[in-house]
Protein backbone atom coordinates (compact mmCIF):
# COMPACT_ATOMS: atom_id res chain seq x y z
CA MET A 1 92.69 13.25 93.00
CA ASN A 2 92.35 16.06 90.93
CA ASP A 3 90.68 16.31 88.07
CA LEU A 4 93.15 18.87 86.32
CA LYS A 5 96.18 20.09 87.61
CA PHE A 6 98.56 22.78 85.63
CA GLU A 7 101.58 24.40 87.10
CA GLN A 8 104.15 26.28 85.77
CA LYS A 9 107.39 27.69 86.71
CA ALA A 10 109.21 30.13 85.30
CA SER A 11 112.14 33.46 86.37
CA LEU A 12 110.71 36.29 84.88
CA SER A 13 111.58 39.97 85.39
CA ARG A 14 109.43 41.99 87.47
CA LEU A 15 108.05 44.01 84.29
CA GLU A 16 107.22 40.14 83.07
CA ALA A 17 105.50 39.50 86.17
CA ALA A 18 103.33 42.40 86.70
CA ASP A 19 101.76 41.61 83.06
CA ARG A 20 100.97 37.99 83.94
CA LEU A 21 98.99 39.22 86.95
CA SER A 22 97.41 42.40 85.29
CA ALA A 23 96.11 39.59 82.24
CA ILE A 24 94.31 37.52 85.20
CA ALA A 25 93.05 40.74 86.83
CA ASP A 26 91.78 41.30 83.60
CA ALA A 27 90.16 38.09 82.77
CA LEU A 28 88.74 38.47 86.49
CA ARG A 29 86.97 41.72 85.70
CA HIS A 30 85.33 40.98 82.17
CA GLY A 31 83.91 38.18 84.14
CA GLY A 32 81.88 34.77 82.40
CA SER A 33 84.93 32.97 81.28
CA ALA A 34 88.85 33.83 81.52
CA GLU A 35 91.37 32.82 78.72
CA LEU A 36 94.74 33.05 80.19
CA ASP A 37 97.56 32.62 77.95
CA LEU A 38 100.38 30.20 79.62
CA GLY A 39 103.37 30.12 77.53
CA PRO A 40 102.49 27.34 75.12
CA GLY A 41 98.75 27.73 74.75
CA THR A 42 95.51 28.69 76.10
CA LEU A 43 93.76 28.07 79.60
CA THR A 44 89.96 29.32 79.47
CA LEU A 45 88.11 28.93 82.86
CA ARG A 46 84.52 29.83 83.83
CA VAL A 47 84.82 32.29 86.51
CA PRO A 48 81.87 33.19 88.93
CA ASP A 49 80.93 36.03 90.69
CA GLU A 50 82.03 35.49 94.38
CA LEU A 51 85.04 33.24 94.30
CA GLN A 52 87.52 32.85 98.05
CA ALA A 53 90.53 34.42 98.57
CA GLU A 54 93.81 33.58 100.15
CA ILE A 55 96.64 35.70 100.66
CA GLU A 56 100.00 34.51 101.71
CA VAL A 57 103.22 35.80 102.96
CA GLU A 58 106.36 34.45 103.97
CA VAL A 59 109.48 35.34 104.90
CA GLU A 60 112.14 32.79 105.30
CA ASP A 61 116.51 31.96 104.78
CA GLY A 62 116.55 35.62 102.79
CA GLU A 63 113.50 34.88 100.41
CA ILE A 64 110.14 36.19 100.37
CA GLU A 65 107.25 34.12 98.99
CA LEU A 66 103.85 35.78 97.85
CA GLU A 67 100.88 33.52 97.25
CA ILE A 68 97.46 34.42 95.81
CA GLU A 69 94.79 31.43 95.48
CA LEU A 70 91.96 32.12 93.71
CA LYS A 71 89.29 29.43 94.57
CA TRP A 72 86.06 28.68 93.37
CA ARG A 73 83.45 26.06 92.70
CA THR A 74 82.98 23.86 89.47
CA ALA A 75 79.92 23.90 87.53
CA GLN A 76 79.79 20.30 88.52
CA ALA A 77 80.35 20.55 91.47
CA ASP A 78 77.62 23.62 92.01
CA ALA A 79 74.75 21.21 90.52
CA THR A 80 72.82 19.49 93.07
CA PRO A 81 71.15 16.56 91.85
CA SER A 82 67.46 16.54 92.67
CA SER A 83 65.49 13.63 94.46
């Protein structure tokens, strides 16, 4: 079960897509916490210095799909109970 899941789908111009990616890149570059404007609201995430990245490109049925996945552990998952 997911603790939180947010998904947003939209049709964007190439410039709008670039602006969204730039905003995410800026948030990552500044570190600490990233604030992402997601239309109706803002999502704030704590981003560590190290994270996992995966880039996937699929070409199928005349469409190209580009997925960029960034993954990191939450502070709760990082905390280990002391014995």
